[in-house]
Amino acid sequence: MARRKVLGEQALTAYKVVATPVNRKNIISLEPGFTWFANVDPITGWRLTTVPEGDRNKKNLYLHSTDVELEQPDQEAGTLGHVVVYRGEQYMIRDVMHFDRVLSHTEYRVMRVSSPIPLP
């Protein structure tokens, strides 16, 4: 049973990115998604200086969540992470930051995908 939306949260859909080998090439696709709630903040001001230089001119957002754990791409582990759909645009998880102090939550830095992956 999904929990109820809290003030300020928005409904987002997350999809796991998978690569399927076909004729020695990987075909990128998305597994069926799930809906969850998170606070969405644009990256502006001094926080923009914390983003890697090559990503600063791209659309970046921070997502704050307390109840879902998404993955970022990891070349060593061979995982492609998750894609989040927000307002009809796809965003790839770039950074995951867990906080366990006063309010346990996870922050995700996401960056808009320039070439969207077809949704299932």
N, C-alpha and C. Protein backbone atom coordinates (compact mmCIF):
# COMPACT_ATOMS: atom_id res chain seq x y z
N MET A 1 0.85 -1.18 0.00
CA MET A 1 0.00 0.00 0.00
C MET A 1 0.89 1.24 0.00
N ALA A 2 0.68 2.11 -0.95
CA ALA A 2 1.48 3.33 -1.06
C ALA A 2 1.04 4.32 0.01
N ARG A 3 1.99 5.08 0.50
CA ARG A 3 1.64 6.07 1.51
C ARG A 3 1.02 7.30 0.86
N ARG A 4 0.41 8.13 1.66
CA ARG A 4 -0.25 9.33 1.15
C ARG A 4 0.76 10.43 0.90
N LYS A 5 0.42 11.30 -0.01
CA LYS A 5 1.25 12.45 -0.35
C LYS A 5 1.29 13.42 0.84
N VAL A 6 2.47 13.99 1.10
CA VAL A 6 2.67 14.97 2.15
C VAL A 6 2.78 16.35 1.50
N LEU A 7 2.47 17.40 2.24
CA LEU A 7 2.52 18.76 1.72
C LEU A 7 3.85 19.05 1.00
N GLY A 8 3.78 19.55 -0.21
CA GLY A 8 4.97 19.92 -0.98
C GLY A 8 5.51 18.81 -1.86
N GLU A 9 5.09 17.58 -1.65
CA GLU A 9 5.61 16.49 -2.47
C GLU A 9 4.86 16.40 -3.79
N GLN A 10 5.55 15.88 -4.79
CA GLN A 10 4.98 15.69 -6.11
C GLN A 10 5.11 14.23 -6.51
N ALA A 11 4.15 13.75 -7.28
CA ALA A 11 4.20 12.37 -7.76
C ALA A 11 5.19 12.26 -8.91
N LEU A 12 6.11 11.32 -8.81
CA LEU A 12 7.11 11.07 -9.84
C LEU A 12 7.04 9.59 -10.22
N THR A 13 7.50 9.27 -11.41
CA THR A 13 7.58 7.88 -11.83
C THR A 13 9.04 7.53 -12.07
N ALA A 14 9.48 6.41 -11.50
CA ALA A 14 10.87 5.97 -11.66
C ALA A 14 10.89 4.66 -12.44
N TYR A 15 11.88 4.52 -13.33
CA TYR A 15 12.07 3.33 -14.15
C TYR A 15 13.50 2.86 -14.01
N LYS A 16 13.70 1.56 -13.89
CA LYS A 16 15.03 0.97 -13.87
C LYS A 16 15.52 0.84 -15.31
N VAL A 17 16.73 1.32 -15.58
CA VAL A 17 17.32 1.24 -16.92
C VAL A 17 18.05 -0.09 -17.06
N VAL A 18 17.79 -0.81 -18.14
CA VAL A 18 18.44 -2.11 -18.38
C VAL A 18 19.04 -2.13 -19.78
N ALA A 19 20.11 -2.89 -19.92
CA ALA A 19 20.76 -3.08 -21.23
C ALA A 19 20.63 -4.55 -21.62
N THR A 20 20.07 -4.78 -22.80
CA THR A 20 19.90 -6.14 -23.30
C THR A 20 20.82 -6.34 -24.51
N PRO A 21 21.77 -7.31 -24.43
CA PRO A 21 22.67 -7.52 -25.57
C PRO A 21 21.94 -8.16 -26.76
N VAL A 22 22.06 -7.53 -27.93
CA VAL A 22 21.48 -8.04 -29.17
C VAL A 22 22.52 -7.85 -30.26
N ASN A 23 22.99 -8.94 -30.85
CA ASN A 23 24.00 -8.88 -31.91
C ASN A 23 25.21 -8.03 -31.52
N ARG A 24 25.77 -8.32 -30.36
CA ARG A 24 26.95 -7.65 -29.82
C ARG A 24 26.77 -6.15 -29.57
N LYS A 25 25.51 -5.70 -29.49
CA LYS A 25 25.21 -4.32 -29.12
C LYS A 25 24.21 -4.35 -27.97
N ASN A 26 24.29 -3.36 -27.10
CA ASN A 26 23.35 -3.27 -26.00
C ASN A 26 22.16 -2.39 -26.39
N ILE A 27 20.97 -2.92 -26.22
CA ILE A 27 19.75 -2.17 -26.45
C ILE A 27 19.29 -1.66 -25.08
N ILE A 28 19.19 -0.35 -24.94
CA ILE A 28 18.78 0.26 -23.67
C ILE A 28 17.27 0.36 -23.62
N SER A 29 16.68 -0.10 -22.52
CA SER A 29 15.24 -0.01 -22.34
C SER A 29 14.94 0.23 -20.86
N LEU A 30 13.67 0.43 -20.55
CA LEU A 30 13.23 0.69 -19.19
C LEU A 30 12.31 -0.42 -18.72
N GLU A 31 12.51 -0.87 -17.47
CA GLU A 31 11.58 -1.82 -16.87
C GLU A 31 10.32 -1.06 -16.47
N PRO A 32 9.20 -1.77 -16.28
CA PRO A 32 7.99 -1.08 -15.82
C PRO A 32 8.28 -0.25 -14.57
N GLY A 33 7.70 0.93 -14.52
CA GLY A 33 8.00 1.87 -13.46
C GLY A 33 7.08 1.79 -12.26
N PHE A 34 7.37 2.64 -11.28
CA PHE A 34 6.53 2.77 -10.10
C PHE A 34 6.44 4.25 -9.74
N THR A 35 5.34 4.63 -9.12
CA THR A 35 5.12 6.01 -8.74
C THR A 35 5.48 6.20 -7.27
N TRP A 36 6.10 7.32 -6.95
CA TRP A 36 6.48 7.65 -5.58
C TRP A 36 6.41 9.15 -5.42
N PHE A 37 6.56 9.63 -4.20
CA PHE A 37 6.44 11.06 -3.92
C PHE A 37 7.77 11.61 -3.43
N ALA A 38 8.10 12.82 -3.90
CA ALA A 38 9.34 13.47 -3.48
C ALA A 38 9.18 14.98 -3.61
N ASN A 39 9.96 15.71 -2.85
CA ASN A 39 10.05 17.16 -3.02
C ASN A 39 11.04 17.42 -4.15
N VAL A 40 10.72 18.36 -5.02
CA VAL A 40 11.55 18.67 -6.17
C VAL A 40 12.05 20.11 -6.05
N ASP A 41 13.38 20.29 -6.10
CA ASP A 41 13.98 21.61 -6.01
C ASP A 41 14.92 21.83 -7.18
N PRO A 42 14.84 22.98 -7.85
CA PRO A 42 15.83 23.29 -8.89
C PRO A 42 17.18 23.58 -8.25
N ILE A 43 18.24 23.34 -8.97
CA ILE A 43 19.58 23.66 -8.47
C ILE A 43 19.91 25.06 -8.97
N THR A 44 20.03 25.98 -8.03
CA THR A 44 20.33 27.37 -8.37
C THR A 44 21.37 27.93 -7.39
N GLY A 45 21.83 29.12 -7.68
CA GLY A 45 22.73 29.82 -6.78
C GLY A 45 24.01 29.08 -6.49
N TRP A 46 24.43 29.11 -5.23
CA TRP A 46 25.71 28.52 -4.84
C TRP A 46 25.71 27.00 -5.01
N ARG A 47 24.53 26.35 -4.95
CA ARG A 47 24.50 24.89 -5.12
C ARG A 47 24.92 24.49 -6.53
N LEU A 48 24.70 25.38 -7.48
CA LEU A 48 25.10 25.09 -8.86
C LEU A 48 26.62 24.95 -8.96
N THR A 49 27.37 25.64 -8.10
CA THR A 49 28.83 25.54 -8.13
C THR A 49 29.31 24.18 -7.63
N THR A 50 28.45 23.40 -6.96
CA THR A 50 28.84 22.07 -6.47
C THR A 50 28.63 20.99 -7.54
N VAL A 51 27.97 21.36 -8.63
CA VAL A 51 27.71 20.42 -9.72
C VAL A 51 28.96 20.36 -10.60
N PRO A 52 29.35 19.18 -11.10
CA PRO A 52 30.51 19.11 -12.00
C PRO A 52 30.37 20.10 -13.16
N GLU A 53 31.47 20.69 -13.56
CA GLU A 53 31.46 21.78 -14.54
C GLU A 53 30.73 21.42 -15.83
N GLY A 54 30.90 20.22 -16.34
CA GLY A 54 30.26 19.82 -17.58
C GLY A 54 28.75 19.68 -17.48
N ASP A 55 28.22 19.58 -16.25
CA ASP A 55 26.78 19.41 -16.06
C ASP A 55 26.07 20.71 -15.72
N ARG A 56 26.80 21.80 -15.53
CA ARG A 56 26.20 23.06 -15.05
C ARG A 56 25.24 23.69 -16.06
N ASN A 57 25.45 23.48 -17.34
CA ASN A 57 24.58 24.10 -18.34
C ASN A 57 23.39 23.21 -18.70
N LYS A 58 23.25 22.08 -18.02
CA LYS A 58 22.13 21.17 -18.26
C LYS A 58 21.11 21.34 -17.14
N LYS A 59 19.89 20.92 -17.38
CA LYS A 59 18.83 21.07 -16.38
C LYS A 59 19.03 20.04 -15.27
N ASN A 60 19.33 20.53 -14.07
CA ASN A 60 19.55 19.69 -12.89
C ASN A 60 18.50 19.99 -11.84
N LEU A 61 18.10 18.96 -11.11
CA LEU A 61 17.15 19.10 -10.01
C LEU A 61 17.64 18.29 -8.82
N TYR A 62 17.16 18.65 -7.64
CA TYR A 62 17.35 17.81 -6.44
C TYR A 62 15.99 17.22 -6.08
N LEU A 63 15.97 15.93 -5.80
CA LEU A 63 14.78 15.26 -5.30
C LEU A 63 15.05 14.84 -3.87
N HIS A 64 14.12 15.11 -2.97
CA HIS A 64 14.25 14.74 -1.56
C HIS A 64 13.18 13.72 -1.24
N SER A 65 13.59 12.54 -0.75
CA SER A 65 12.64 11.47 -0.49
C SER A 65 12.97 10.75 0.81
N THR A 66 11.95 10.22 1.45
CA THR A 66 12.16 9.46 2.68
C THR A 66 11.78 7.99 2.53
N ASP A 67 11.23 7.60 1.38
CA ASP A 67 10.69 6.24 1.32
C ASP A 67 11.06 5.41 0.09
N VAL A 68 12.01 5.85 -0.70
CA VAL A 68 12.39 5.04 -1.86
C VAL A 68 13.90 5.18 -2.06
N GLU A 69 14.52 4.11 -2.55
CA GLU A 69 15.96 4.16 -2.82
C GLU A 69 16.18 3.85 -4.29
N LEU A 70 16.72 4.82 -4.99
CA LEU A 70 17.03 4.68 -6.40
C LEU A 70 18.53 4.56 -6.58
N GLU A 71 18.96 4.06 -7.73
CA GLU A 71 20.38 3.85 -8.00
C GLU A 71 20.87 4.81 -9.08
N GLN A 72 22.13 5.20 -8.94
CA GLN A 72 22.78 5.96 -10.00
C GLN A 72 23.59 4.98 -10.84
N PRO A 73 23.96 5.35 -12.07
CA PRO A 73 24.78 4.46 -12.89
C PRO A 73 26.11 4.15 -12.21
N ASP A 74 26.56 2.90 -12.34
CA ASP A 74 27.82 2.47 -11.73
C ASP A 74 28.53 1.56 -12.72
N GLN A 75 29.59 2.07 -13.35
CA GLN A 75 30.31 1.28 -14.36
C GLN A 75 30.96 0.04 -13.77
N GLU A 76 31.53 0.15 -12.57
CA GLU A 76 32.19 -1.00 -11.96
C GLU A 76 31.22 -2.13 -11.68
N ALA A 77 30.02 -1.79 -11.21
CA ALA A 77 29.01 -2.82 -10.91
C ALA A 77 28.23 -3.22 -12.15
N GLY A 78 28.34 -2.43 -13.22
CA GLY A 78 27.63 -2.74 -14.45
C GLY A 78 26.15 -2.40 -14.41
N THR A 79 25.75 -1.48 -13.51
CA THR A 79 24.35 -1.09 -13.42
C THR A 79 24.14 0.26 -14.10
N LEU A 80 22.94 0.46 -14.64
CA LEU A 80 22.63 1.69 -15.36
C LEU A 80 21.76 2.64 -14.54
N GLY A 81 21.33 2.24 -13.37
CA GLY A 81 20.58 3.13 -12.49
C GLY A 81 19.12 3.28 -12.86
N HIS A 82 18.55 4.41 -12.45
CA HIS A 82 17.14 4.72 -12.66
C HIS A 82 16.97 6.00 -13.46
N VAL A 83 15.83 6.09 -14.12
CA VAL A 83 15.39 7.31 -14.79
C VAL A 83 14.10 7.73 -14.10
N VAL A 84 13.98 9.04 -13.82
CA VAL A 84 12.79 9.59 -13.19
C VAL A 84 12.08 10.48 -14.20
N VAL A 85 10.76 10.34 -14.30
CA VAL A 85 9.97 11.20 -15.18
C VAL A 85 9.31 12.27 -14.33
N TYR A 86 9.62 13.54 -14.66
CA TYR A 86 9.06 14.69 -13.95
C TYR A 86 8.56 15.69 -14.98
N ARG A 87 7.29 16.01 -14.94
CA ARG A 87 6.65 16.93 -15.89
C ARG A 87 6.92 16.54 -17.33
N GLY A 88 6.85 15.25 -17.61
CA GLY A 88 6.99 14.75 -18.97
C GLY A 88 8.41 14.64 -19.48
N GLU A 89 9.41 15.02 -18.68
CA GLU A 89 10.81 14.93 -19.10
C GLU A 89 11.51 13.84 -18.29
N GLN A 90 12.48 13.18 -18.90
CA GLN A 90 13.24 12.14 -18.22
C GLN A 90 14.52 12.72 -17.61
N TYR A 91 14.80 12.27 -16.38
CA TYR A 91 15.99 12.71 -15.65
C TYR A 91 16.74 11.47 -15.17
N MET A 92 18.05 11.46 -15.39
CA MET A 92 18.90 10.35 -14.93
C MET A 92 19.46 10.70 -13.56
N ILE A 93 19.46 9.71 -12.66
CA ILE A 93 20.05 9.89 -11.34
C ILE A 93 21.56 10.07 -11.52
N ARG A 94 22.11 11.17 -11.00
CA ARG A 94 23.55 11.44 -11.11
C ARG A 94 24.28 11.24 -9.79
N ASP A 95 23.68 11.69 -8.69
CA ASP A 95 24.28 11.55 -7.36
C ASP A 95 23.21 11.12 -6.37
N VAL A 96 23.62 10.27 -5.42
CA VAL A 96 22.73 9.83 -4.35
C VAL A 96 23.41 10.17 -3.03
N MET A 97 22.68 10.90 -2.17
CA MET A 97 23.23 11.29 -0.87
C MET A 97 22.25 10.88 0.22
N HIS A 98 22.70 10.01 1.14
CA HIS A 98 21.85 9.54 2.25
C HIS A 98 22.16 10.36 3.49
N PHE A 99 21.12 10.78 4.21
CA PHE A 99 21.26 11.52 5.45
C PHE A 99 20.48 10.79 6.54
N ASP A 100 21.16 10.45 7.64
CA ASP A 100 20.53 9.69 8.72
C ASP A 100 20.48 10.43 10.04
N ARG A 101 20.63 11.72 10.03
CA ARG A 101 20.62 12.49 11.28
C ARG A 101 19.20 12.87 11.68
N VAL A 102 18.95 14.14 11.89
CA VAL A 102 17.68 14.61 12.42
C VAL A 102 16.48 14.07 11.63
N LEU A 103 16.49 14.24 10.35
CA LEU A 103 15.42 13.72 9.50
C LEU A 103 16.05 12.79 8.47
N SER A 104 15.87 11.50 8.63
CA SER A 104 16.44 10.55 7.68
C SER A 104 15.78 10.74 6.32
N HIS A 105 16.60 10.97 5.31
CA HIS A 105 16.09 11.12 3.96
C HIS A 105 17.22 10.90 2.97
N THR A 106 16.85 10.86 1.71
CA THR A 106 17.83 10.70 0.64
C THR A 106 17.63 11.84 -0.35
N GLU A 107 18.74 12.44 -0.79
CA GLU A 107 18.70 13.46 -1.83
C GLU A 107 19.29 12.86 -3.10
N TYR A 108 18.62 13.12 -4.20
CA TYR A 108 19.09 12.67 -5.50
C TYR A 108 19.32 13.90 -6.36
N ARG A 109 20.51 13.99 -6.96
CA ARG A 109 20.71 15.01 -7.99
C ARG A 109 20.41 14.33 -9.30
N VAL A 110 19.49 14.89 -10.05
CA VAL A 110 19.10 14.31 -11.33
C VAL A 110 19.38 15.32 -12.44
N MET A 111 19.69 14.80 -13.63
CA MET A 111 19.99 15.65 -14.78
C MET A 111 19.11 15.21 -15.95
N ARG A 112 18.55 16.19 -16.66
CA ARG A 112 17.65 15.88 -17.77
C ARG A 112 18.36 15.07 -18.84
N VAL A 113 17.68 14.06 -19.34
CA VAL A 113 18.21 13.19 -20.41
C VAL A 113 17.96 13.87 -21.74
N SER A 114 19.03 14.04 -22.53
CA SER A 114 18.89 14.74 -23.81
C SER A 114 18.21 13.88 -24.88
N SER A 115 18.42 12.56 -24.81
CA SER A 115 17.77 11.65 -25.75
C SER A 115 16.89 10.68 -24.94
N PRO A 116 15.60 11.00 -24.78
CA PRO A 116 14.73 10.16 -23.94
C PRO A 116 14.68 8.72 -24.40
N ILE A 117 14.57 7.82 -23.43
CA ILE A 117 14.43 6.38 -23.69
C ILE A 117 12.94 6.09 -23.80
N PRO A 118 12.49 5.32 -24.80
CA PRO A 118 11.06 5.03 -24.93
C PRO A 118 10.51 4.38 -23.64
N LEU A 119 9.39 4.90 -23.17
CA LEU A 119 8.78 4.38 -21.95
C LEU A 119 8.05 3.07 -22.24
N PRO A 120 8.02 2.15 -21.26
CA PRO A 120 7.32 0.88 -21.48
C PRO A 120 5.82 1.07 -21.54
